[in-house]
């Protein structure tokens, strides 16, 4: 390759790390985290205001808590789904890079599988001991929020649903109380507070860096870059 000549393989690979691709995720996660934090404050206010032993007052407090729990469930679910979309974008772009290399008749194969299920199971050294991987949990939790009602008959067999297998290993169960499952999920991912949704961005970023480095080594060793 001549000096100053653009290496399109390298350019396409480095697109995985473009900050602009993560800017949209950040812009969504920040207000979601703020909304969850606000809900937590409202719950504390309810505890302070509704201290009466009166059953009617107690019922009102329970109703308000239930509303806040449902809201937090929806906000957490939205954060997980948006993060799942970011994961999907990375997988799609990596497959596009592979297709571009093939179209140019290059005898090259990545040393790792480009199957979506295999990619989300890849993990940087810092979290290599975590099984399922954090990214696999994020993807599975996003699907739980979107499609959980359709999984009712699949939790027992589990054989053909890797998402259910991943979540079951965390103690998640087939339950109408989705939020209890979300508590297990966020704890596993390292949340200190319910509103720590920006952690999802960090997890995905570390995963992308890991995949980028592996892909770079493969392409470097083959002489593509």
Protein backbone atom coordinates (compact mmCIF):
# COMPACT_ATOMS: atom_id res chain seq x y z
CA UNK A 1 0.00 0.00 0.00
CA UNK A 2 1.38 3.40 -0.96
CA UNK A 3 2.03 6.15 1.57
CA UNK A 4 -1.00 8.40 1.84
CA UNK A 5 -3.31 5.86 0.22
CA UNK A 6 -6.53 5.21 2.11
CA UNK A 7 -6.87 1.72 3.53
CA UNK A 8 -10.61 1.15 3.28
CA UNK A 9 -10.46 -2.04 5.32
CA UNK A 10 -8.96 -0.10 8.23
CA UNK A 11 -11.45 2.74 7.74
CA UNK A 12 -14.44 0.39 7.86
CA UNK A 13 -13.03 -1.37 10.91
CA UNK A 14 -12.44 1.88 12.79
CA UNK A 15 -16.04 2.92 12.17
CA UNK A 16 -16.91 0.53 14.99
CA UNK A 17 -15.24 2.98 17.38
CA UNK A 18 -16.70 6.22 16.05
CA UNK A 19 -17.92 8.28 18.99
CA UNK A 20 -20.87 9.51 16.97
CA UNK A 21 -22.22 5.96 16.92
CA UNK A 22 -22.39 6.03 20.72
CA UNK A 23 -23.56 9.61 21.05
CA UNK A 24 -27.16 8.63 20.35
CA UNK A 25 -27.04 5.93 23.03
CA UNK A 26 -25.67 8.42 25.54
CA UNK A 27 -28.38 10.97 24.70
CA UNK A 28 -31.08 8.40 25.40
CA UNK A 29 -29.59 6.79 28.51
CA UNK A 30 -28.93 10.05 30.35
CA UNK A 31 -32.57 11.23 30.53
CA UNK A 32 -33.75 7.68 31.27
CA UNK A 33 -31.37 7.55 34.24
CA UNK A 34 -32.59 10.94 35.43
CA UNK A 35 -36.20 9.80 35.18
CA UNK A 36 -35.47 6.66 37.20
CA UNK A 37 -33.69 8.73 39.84
CA UNK A 38 -36.69 11.06 40.03
CA UNK A 39 -38.96 8.05 40.55
CA UNK A 40 -36.76 6.91 43.44
CA UNK A 41 -37.15 10.34 45.03
CA UNK A 42 -40.91 10.12 44.70
CA UNK A 43 -40.86 6.73 46.43
CA UNK A 44 -38.94 8.23 49.35
CA UNK A 45 -41.42 11.09 49.53
CA UNK A 46 -44.29 8.59 49.61
CA UNK A 47 -42.65 6.82 52.55
CA UNK A 48 -42.38 10.11 54.42
CA UNK A 49 -45.90 11.33 53.65
CA UNK A 50 -47.80 8.07 54.13
CA UNK A 51 -46.79 6.99 57.63
CA UNK A 52 -50.35 6.72 58.92
CA UNK A 53 -51.52 3.31 60.19
CA UNK A 54 -54.88 3.92 58.55
CA UNK A 55 -55.62 1.09 56.09
CA UNK A 56 -57.05 3.47 53.50
CA UNK A 57 -53.92 5.62 53.57
CA UNK A 58 -51.77 2.50 53.41
CA UNK A 59 -53.64 1.33 50.32
CA UNK A 60 -53.06 4.69 48.68
CA UNK A 61 -49.34 4.39 49.37
CA UNK A 62 -49.28 0.87 47.91
CA UNK A 63 -51.00 2.11 44.77
CA UNK A 64 -48.49 4.93 44.38
CA UNK A 65 -45.55 2.58 44.92
CA UNK A 66 -46.98 0.21 42.32
CA UNK A 67 -47.25 3.04 39.79
CA UNK A 68 -43.63 4.03 40.41
CA UNK A 69 -42.45 0.41 40.12
CA UNK A 70 -44.22 0.09 36.77
CA UNK A 71 -42.66 3.34 35.59
CA UNK A 72 -39.15 2.24 36.60
CA UNK A 73 -39.74 -1.11 34.91
CA UNK A 74 -40.64 0.67 31.67
CA UNK A 75 -37.68 3.04 31.91
CA UNK A 76 -35.20 0.24 32.60
CA UNK A 77 -36.71 -1.77 29.79
CA UNK A 78 -36.32 1.15 27.41
CA UNK A 79 -32.66 1.56 28.42
CA UNK A 80 -32.00 -2.13 27.80
CA UNK A 81 -33.76 -2.12 24.42
CA UNK A 82 -31.84 0.95 23.23
CA UNK A 83 -28.59 -0.69 24.36
CA UNK A 84 -29.60 -3.85 22.53
CA UNK A 85 -30.02 -1.81 19.35
CA UNK A 86 -26.46 -0.53 19.79
CA UNK A 87 -25.21 -4.12 20.06
CA UNK A 88 -27.12 -5.04 16.91
CA UNK A 89 -25.55 -2.10 15.06
CA UNK A 90 -22.05 -3.31 15.94
CA UNK A 91 -22.83 -6.86 14.80
CA UNK A 92 -24.31 -5.57 11.53
CA UNK A 93 -21.33 -3.33 10.78
CA UNK A 94 -18.87 -6.12 11.46
CA UNK A 95 -20.73 -8.38 9.05
CA UNK A 96 -20.72 -5.60 6.45
CA UNK A 97 -16.94 -5.34 6.82
CA UNK A 98 -16.63 -9.09 6.30
CA UNK A 99 -18.83 -8.88 3.18
CA UNK A 100 -16.76 -5.99 1.83
CA UNK A 101 -13.58 -8.03 2.22
CA UNK A 102 -15.18 -10.99 0.46
CA UNK A 103 -16.41 -8.82 -2.42
CA UNK A 104 -12.82 -7.83 -3.02
CA UNK A 105 -11.91 -11.52 -3.32
CA UNK A 106 -9.62 -11.50 -0.33
CA UNK A 107 -8.80 -14.96 1.09
CA UNK A 108 -9.51 -13.87 4.63
CA UNK A 109 -11.52 -15.14 7.57
CA UNK A 110 -11.82 -13.67 11.04
CA UNK A 111 -10.55 -15.94 13.79
CA UNK A 112 -13.89 -15.64 15.59
CA UNK A 113 -17.46 -16.37 14.57
CA UNK A 114 -19.63 -13.52 13.29
CA UNK A 115 -22.79 -15.23 14.49
CA UNK A 116 -24.70 -12.80 16.70
CA UNK A 117 -25.00 -15.31 19.54
CA UNK A 118 -21.26 -15.99 19.48
CA UNK A 119 -20.32 -12.31 19.30
CA UNK A 120 -22.35 -11.32 22.37
CA UNK A 121 -20.63 -14.14 24.29
CA UNK A 122 -17.24 -12.57 23.60
CA UNK A 123 -15.91 -10.58 26.51
CA UNK A 124 -12.84 -8.45 27.32
CA UNK A 125 -10.36 -9.95 29.81
CA UNK A 126 -11.74 -7.92 32.75
CA UNK A 127 -15.10 -9.68 32.56
CA UNK A 128 -13.99 -12.94 30.93
CA UNK A 129 -15.01 -14.94 34.00
CA UNK A 130 -18.59 -13.69 33.86
CA UNK A 131 -20.90 -16.25 32.28
CA UNK A 132 -23.20 -15.22 30.77
CA UNK A 133 -21.29 -12.20 29.52
CA UNK A 134 -22.59 -8.72 30.38
CA UNK A 135 -23.38 -7.99 26.72
CA UNK A 136 -25.27 -11.26 26.40
CA UNK A 137 -27.32 -10.29 29.46
CA UNK A 138 -28.09 -6.83 28.05
CA UNK A 139 -29.26 -8.33 24.77
CA UNK A 140 -31.32 -11.01 26.53
CA UNK A 141 -32.87 -8.50 28.92
CA UNK A 142 -33.85 -6.26 26.01
CA UNK A 143 -35.63 -9.21 24.44
CA UNK A 144 -37.27 -10.05 27.76
CA UNK A 145 -38.77 -6.57 27.91
CA UNK A 146 -39.96 -6.69 24.29
CA UNK A 147 -41.06 -10.30 23.97
CA UNK A 148 -41.37 -11.67 27.52
CA UNK A 149 -45.11 -12.22 27.18
CA UNK A 150 -44.44 -14.53 24.22
CA UNK A 151 -42.00 -16.68 26.19
CA UNK A 152 -44.53 -18.08 28.63
CA UNK A 153 -44.32 -21.63 27.29
CA UNK A 154 -40.57 -21.58 26.67
CA UNK A 155 -39.17 -21.13 30.17
CA UNK A 156 -39.57 -24.81 31.05
CA UNK A 157 -37.92 -26.28 27.94
CA UNK A 158 -35.30 -23.50 27.50
CA UNK A 159 -33.60 -25.61 24.83
CA UNK A 160 -34.02 -23.28 21.87
CA UNK A 161 -33.87 -19.89 23.53
CA UNK A 162 -30.39 -18.68 24.47
CA UNK A 163 -31.90 -15.53 25.99
CA UNK A 164 -33.92 -17.55 28.49
CA UNK A 165 -30.90 -19.73 29.28
CA UNK A 166 -28.77 -16.65 29.98
CA UNK A 167 -31.39 -15.00 32.18
CA UNK A 168 -32.30 -18.21 34.01
CA UNK A 169 -28.66 -18.57 35.05
CA UNK A 170 -29.07 -15.27 36.93
CA UNK A 171 -32.13 -16.54 38.77
CA UNK A 172 -34.69 -14.87 36.52
CA UNK A 173 -37.97 -16.74 36.35
CA UNK A 174 -41.15 -16.89 34.31
CA UNK A 175 -43.07 -14.35 36.33
CA UNK A 176 -45.48 -11.54 35.79
CA UNK A 177 -43.30 -9.46 38.10
CA UNK A 178 -40.79 -8.37 35.48
CA UNK A 179 -39.18 -5.88 37.84
CA UNK A 180 -37.88 -8.65 40.12
CA UNK A 181 -36.06 -10.06 37.11
CA UNK A 182 -34.72 -6.60 36.31
CA UNK A 183 -33.35 -6.35 39.86
CA UNK A 184 -31.34 -9.52 39.30
CA UNK A 185 -30.18 -8.30 35.89
CA UNK A 186 -29.02 -4.86 37.04
CA UNK A 187 -27.25 -6.32 40.06
CA UNK A 188 -25.36 -8.74 37.81
CA UNK A 189 -24.37 -5.89 35.49
CA UNK A 190 -22.92 -3.92 38.40
CA UNK A 191 -25.59 -1.27 39.02
CA UNK A 192 -25.18 0.43 42.41
CA UNK A 193 -28.46 2.29 41.97
CA UNK A 194 -31.47 1.74 39.74
CA UNK A 195 -30.60 4.81 37.70
CA UNK A 196 -27.05 3.69 36.79
CA UNK A 197 -28.12 3.00 33.20
CA UNK A 198 -25.07 4.80 31.77
CA UNK A 199 -23.18 1.69 32.85
CA UNK A 200 -24.78 -0.09 29.89
CA UNK A 201 -22.92 2.24 27.53
CA UNK A 202 -19.60 1.49 29.26
CA UNK A 203 -20.16 -2.26 29.06
CA UNK A 204 -20.94 -2.11 25.34
CA UNK A 205 -17.99 0.19 24.66
CA UNK A 206 -15.53 -2.22 26.33
CA UNK A 207 -17.01 -5.06 24.31
CA UNK A 208 -16.65 -3.13 21.05
CA UNK A 209 -13.03 -2.28 21.88
CA UNK A 210 -12.32 -5.96 22.49
CA UNK A 211 -13.86 -7.06 19.20
CA UNK A 212 -12.11 -4.24 17.33
CA UNK A 213 -8.72 -5.28 18.72
CA UNK A 214 -9.25 -8.92 17.76
CA UNK A 215 -10.41 -7.96 14.27
CA UNK A 216 -7.46 -5.58 13.87
CA UNK A 217 -4.98 -8.34 14.75
CA UNK A 218 -6.60 -10.73 12.29
CA UNK A 219 -6.54 -8.17 9.48
CA UNK A 220 -3.02 -7.05 10.33
CA UNK A 221 -1.70 -10.61 10.31
CA UNK A 222 -3.32 -11.25 6.94
CA UNK A 223 -1.80 -8.11 5.40
CA UNK A 224 -5.12 -6.35 4.82
CA UNK A 225 -4.02 -3.37 6.91
